[in-house]
Structures are given as structure tokens and as C-alpha cells.
Amino acid sequence: MNTAGKSLHYLVEKWLAPAPAMRIRVVQFGRMRGDSRRYVHVEASAPGSSRAIFFFRHEDGCWCVFPPRIARPSMSGYQLAA
């Protein structure tokens, strides 16, 4: 598992670029309905501005700004030996 560049702490700094005067807080966290994957809603606020973003945990343990793919039913055919 390669989490060096995909930890939640790293992504908060990358996407929200907190400055010393900025306050970072977790607004909400939990699991998504259906597949129970984790998400975190983080907000960065400073006097006169605020930014917020959702982060999603993927199967490999990395956090990303986009949700993981939903596993969907699929069919495949097998060649039968004659």
C-alpha cells in the first residue's frame, strides 16, 4: 500500500493550502450508504473566506477527492472444453 502521497493530512494541505491564520476542522465524517466506504468533509476557514472539500477512502487505503468506483454486477462467459 503506497500512502506516501495520498494520506488525508497530505491531501488537506494540498487541496486546502492552510495558512497559519487558517482554521482547519472536520465538519462531518462517516460511511457512504450502500458500500460503507469512509468519507470526511473538511473545512478551512480564515477571516473573510472559507473552503470545504470531501475526501473519500479507497480500497487500497488511500484518500482521494473523488469517490471510489462502485462495484457493479457483471457477467462473463467461460469457454467450455469440448
N, C-alpha and C. Protein backbone atom coordinates (compact mmCIF):
# COMPACT_ATOMS: atom_id res chain seq x y z
N MET A 1 0.84 -1.18 0.00
CA MET A 1 0.00 0.00 0.00
C MET A 1 0.88 1.24 0.00
N ASN A 2 0.71 2.10 -0.97
CA ASN A 2 1.50 3.32 -1.09
C ASN A 2 0.67 4.50 -0.61
N THR A 3 0.89 4.91 0.63
CA THR A 3 0.12 6.04 1.17
C THR A 3 0.97 7.29 1.31
N ALA A 4 2.19 7.27 0.80
CA ALA A 4 3.11 8.40 0.96
C ALA A 4 2.52 9.69 0.44
N GLY A 5 1.90 9.68 -0.71
CA GLY A 5 1.36 10.90 -1.27
C GLY A 5 -0.14 10.99 -1.19
N LYS A 6 -0.79 10.06 -0.52
CA LYS A 6 -2.25 10.03 -0.50
C LYS A 6 -2.83 9.99 0.91
N SER A 7 -2.07 10.38 1.91
CA SER A 7 -2.63 10.40 3.26
C SER A 7 -3.62 11.56 3.35
N LEU A 8 -4.54 11.47 4.29
CA LEU A 8 -5.53 12.53 4.45
C LEU A 8 -4.87 13.85 4.83
N HIS A 9 -3.89 13.82 5.69
CA HIS A 9 -3.17 15.03 6.09
C HIS A 9 -2.52 15.70 4.89
N TYR A 10 -1.85 14.91 4.06
CA TYR A 10 -1.21 15.44 2.85
C TYR A 10 -2.23 16.09 1.92
N LEU A 11 -3.36 15.42 1.70
CA LEU A 11 -4.37 15.95 0.78
C LEU A 11 -5.04 17.21 1.31
N VAL A 12 -5.25 17.29 2.61
CA VAL A 12 -5.82 18.52 3.18
C VAL A 12 -4.89 19.69 2.91
N GLU A 13 -3.60 19.49 3.13
CA GLU A 13 -2.63 20.56 2.84
C GLU A 13 -2.56 20.88 1.36
N LYS A 14 -2.63 19.87 0.52
CA LYS A 14 -2.53 20.09 -0.93
C LYS A 14 -3.74 20.84 -1.46
N TRP A 15 -4.95 20.43 -1.10
CA TRP A 15 -6.17 21.00 -1.68
C TRP A 15 -6.66 22.26 -0.97
N LEU A 16 -6.46 22.34 0.32
CA LEU A 16 -6.97 23.49 1.06
C LEU A 16 -5.89 24.51 1.41
N ALA A 17 -4.63 24.15 1.22
CA ALA A 17 -3.48 25.04 1.45
C ALA A 17 -3.64 25.88 2.71
N PRO A 18 -3.68 25.24 3.86
CA PRO A 18 -3.88 26.02 5.08
C PRO A 18 -2.70 26.93 5.39
N ALA A 19 -3.02 28.17 5.70
CA ALA A 19 -2.03 29.15 6.12
C ALA A 19 -2.05 29.21 7.64
N PRO A 20 -1.07 29.84 8.26
CA PRO A 20 -1.06 29.90 9.73
C PRO A 20 -2.33 30.50 10.34
N ALA A 21 -2.96 31.43 9.63
CA ALA A 21 -4.18 32.07 10.16
C ALA A 21 -5.44 31.25 9.87
N MET A 22 -5.31 30.19 9.09
CA MET A 22 -6.47 29.38 8.71
C MET A 22 -6.79 28.34 9.78
N ARG A 23 -8.07 28.13 9.96
CA ARG A 23 -8.54 27.11 10.90
C ARG A 23 -9.06 25.92 10.10
N ILE A 24 -8.55 24.74 10.35
CA ILE A 24 -8.99 23.51 9.68
C ILE A 24 -9.85 22.73 10.65
N ARG A 25 -11.00 22.26 10.17
CA ARG A 25 -11.83 21.43 11.04
C ARG A 25 -12.56 20.37 10.22
N VAL A 26 -12.79 19.25 10.86
CA VAL A 26 -13.58 18.19 10.25
C VAL A 26 -15.04 18.51 10.52
N VAL A 27 -15.80 18.72 9.46
CA VAL A 27 -17.21 19.08 9.58
C VAL A 27 -18.05 17.83 9.79
N GLN A 28 -17.73 16.79 9.04
CA GLN A 28 -18.51 15.56 9.09
C GLN A 28 -17.64 14.40 8.64
N PHE A 29 -17.91 13.23 9.18
CA PHE A 29 -17.26 12.01 8.71
C PHE A 29 -18.22 10.86 8.90
N GLY A 30 -18.00 9.81 8.15
CA GLY A 30 -18.88 8.66 8.27
C GLY A 30 -18.66 7.68 7.14
N ARG A 31 -19.70 6.91 6.89
CA ARG A 31 -19.66 5.91 5.82
C ARG A 31 -20.75 6.21 4.81
N MET A 32 -20.45 5.96 3.53
CA MET A 32 -21.42 6.18 2.47
C MET A 32 -22.44 5.06 2.50
N ARG A 33 -23.66 5.39 2.13
CA ARG A 33 -24.71 4.37 2.06
C ARG A 33 -24.42 3.39 0.95
N GLY A 34 -24.80 2.19 1.15
CA GLY A 34 -24.65 1.18 0.10
C GLY A 34 -23.39 0.37 0.22
N ASP A 35 -22.24 1.01 0.16
CA ASP A 35 -20.99 0.24 0.19
C ASP A 35 -20.16 0.47 1.44
N SER A 36 -20.62 1.31 2.35
CA SER A 36 -19.97 1.56 3.65
C SER A 36 -18.54 2.08 3.55
N ARG A 37 -18.20 2.74 2.48
CA ARG A 37 -16.85 3.31 2.38
C ARG A 37 -16.81 4.64 3.13
N ARG A 38 -15.65 4.96 3.65
CA ARG A 38 -15.49 6.15 4.50
C ARG A 38 -15.34 7.43 3.70
N TYR A 39 -15.82 8.53 4.31
CA TYR A 39 -15.63 9.86 3.75
C TYR A 39 -15.39 10.83 4.89
N VAL A 40 -14.76 11.98 4.57
CA VAL A 40 -14.50 13.03 5.53
C VAL A 40 -14.78 14.36 4.83
N HIS A 41 -15.51 15.25 5.49
CA HIS A 41 -15.81 16.59 4.98
C HIS A 41 -14.97 17.55 5.81
N VAL A 42 -14.00 18.23 5.17
CA VAL A 42 -13.06 19.10 5.86
C VAL A 42 -13.27 20.54 5.39
N GLU A 43 -13.19 21.47 6.34
CA GLU A 43 -13.37 22.89 6.02
C GLU A 43 -12.17 23.68 6.50
N ALA A 44 -11.71 24.61 5.67
CA ALA A 44 -10.65 25.54 6.03
C ALA A 44 -11.26 26.93 6.04
N SER A 45 -11.12 27.64 7.15
CA SER A 45 -11.70 28.97 7.22
C SER A 45 -10.69 29.98 7.75
N ALA A 46 -10.79 31.18 7.23
CA ALA A 46 -9.97 32.31 7.63
C ALA A 46 -10.89 33.52 7.63
N PRO A 47 -10.48 34.59 8.24
CA PRO A 47 -11.32 35.78 8.21
C PRO A 47 -11.67 36.18 6.77
N GLY A 48 -12.94 36.18 6.45
CA GLY A 48 -13.39 36.60 5.13
C GLY A 48 -13.47 35.51 4.07
N SER A 49 -13.06 34.28 4.38
CA SER A 49 -13.14 33.22 3.37
C SER A 49 -13.23 31.85 4.03
N SER A 50 -13.80 30.93 3.29
CA SER A 50 -13.79 29.54 3.75
C SER A 50 -13.86 28.63 2.54
N ARG A 51 -13.28 27.46 2.68
CA ARG A 51 -13.29 26.43 1.64
C ARG A 51 -13.57 25.10 2.29
N ALA A 52 -14.26 24.23 1.55
CA ALA A 52 -14.57 22.91 2.08
C ALA A 52 -14.46 21.89 0.95
N ILE A 53 -14.14 20.67 1.33
CA ILE A 53 -14.00 19.60 0.34
C ILE A 53 -14.26 18.26 1.01
N PHE A 54 -14.73 17.30 0.23
CA PHE A 54 -14.93 15.93 0.70
C PHE A 54 -13.75 15.09 0.26
N PHE A 55 -13.32 14.19 1.12
CA PHE A 55 -12.28 13.21 0.80
C PHE A 55 -12.89 11.83 0.98
N PHE A 56 -12.50 10.90 0.11
CA PHE A 56 -13.06 9.54 0.12
C PHE A 56 -11.93 8.53 0.26
N ARG A 57 -12.14 7.53 1.09
CA ARG A 57 -11.14 6.48 1.28
C ARG A 57 -11.39 5.36 0.28
N HIS A 58 -10.33 4.96 -0.41
CA HIS A 58 -10.41 3.90 -1.41
C HIS A 58 -9.98 2.57 -0.81
N GLU A 59 -10.22 1.49 -1.54
CA GLU A 59 -9.92 0.14 -1.05
C GLU A 59 -8.46 -0.07 -0.68
N ASP A 60 -7.55 0.62 -1.37
CA ASP A 60 -6.12 0.44 -1.08
C ASP A 60 -5.66 1.27 0.11
N GLY A 61 -6.57 1.98 0.77
CA GLY A 61 -6.23 2.75 1.96
C GLY A 61 -5.91 4.20 1.69
N CYS A 62 -5.83 4.59 0.43
CA CYS A 62 -5.53 5.98 0.07
C CYS A 62 -6.78 6.84 0.15
N TRP A 63 -6.58 8.11 0.43
CA TRP A 63 -7.66 9.09 0.41
C TRP A 63 -7.58 9.86 -0.89
N CYS A 64 -8.73 10.16 -1.49
CA CYS A 64 -8.79 10.89 -2.76
C CYS A 64 -9.95 11.88 -2.72
N VAL A 65 -9.94 12.84 -3.64
CA VAL A 65 -11.02 13.82 -3.71
C VAL A 65 -12.18 13.32 -4.56
N PHE A 66 -12.06 12.17 -5.16
CA PHE A 66 -13.14 11.59 -5.93
C PHE A 66 -13.56 10.27 -5.28
N PRO A 67 -14.85 9.94 -5.33
CA PRO A 67 -15.30 8.70 -4.69
C PRO A 67 -14.81 7.47 -5.43
N PRO A 68 -14.66 6.36 -4.72
CA PRO A 68 -14.25 5.12 -5.37
C PRO A 68 -15.34 4.60 -6.28
N ARG A 69 -14.93 3.80 -7.25
CA ARG A 69 -15.90 3.17 -8.15
C ARG A 69 -16.80 2.23 -7.38
N ILE A 70 -18.03 2.19 -7.80
CA ILE A 70 -18.98 1.27 -7.19
C ILE A 70 -18.88 -0.06 -7.91
N ALA A 71 -18.76 -1.13 -7.15
CA ALA A 71 -18.72 -2.46 -7.76
C ALA A 71 -20.10 -2.76 -8.33
N ARG A 72 -20.14 -3.08 -9.58
CA ARG A 72 -21.40 -3.37 -10.26
C ARG A 72 -21.42 -4.82 -10.70
N PRO A 73 -22.60 -5.37 -10.79
CA PRO A 73 -22.68 -6.76 -11.27
C PRO A 73 -22.18 -6.86 -12.70
N SER A 74 -21.52 -7.94 -12.99
CA SER A 74 -21.04 -8.14 -14.36
C SER A 74 -21.17 -9.61 -14.72
N MET A 75 -21.18 -9.84 -16.00
CA MET A 75 -21.27 -11.21 -16.49
C MET A 75 -20.05 -11.49 -17.33
N SER A 76 -19.61 -12.69 -17.29
CA SER A 76 -18.54 -13.09 -18.17
C SER A 76 -18.81 -14.51 -18.65
N GLY A 77 -18.36 -14.77 -19.84
CA GLY A 77 -18.56 -16.10 -20.41
C GLY A 77 -17.30 -16.92 -20.29
N TYR A 78 -17.45 -18.18 -20.06
CA TYR A 78 -16.32 -19.08 -19.96
C TYR A 78 -16.37 -20.04 -21.15
N GLN A 79 -15.22 -20.28 -21.71
CA GLN A 79 -15.16 -21.24 -22.82
C GLN A 79 -15.16 -22.64 -22.23
N LEU A 80 -16.09 -23.45 -22.70
CA LEU A 80 -16.17 -24.82 -22.21
C LEU A 80 -15.28 -25.72 -23.04
N ALA A 81 -14.55 -26.59 -22.40
CA ALA A 81 -13.70 -27.53 -23.11
C ALA A 81 -14.58 -28.58 -23.82
N ALA A 82 -14.24 -28.90 -25.04
CA ALA A 82 -15.05 -29.87 -25.78
C ALA A 82 -14.56 -31.27 -25.62
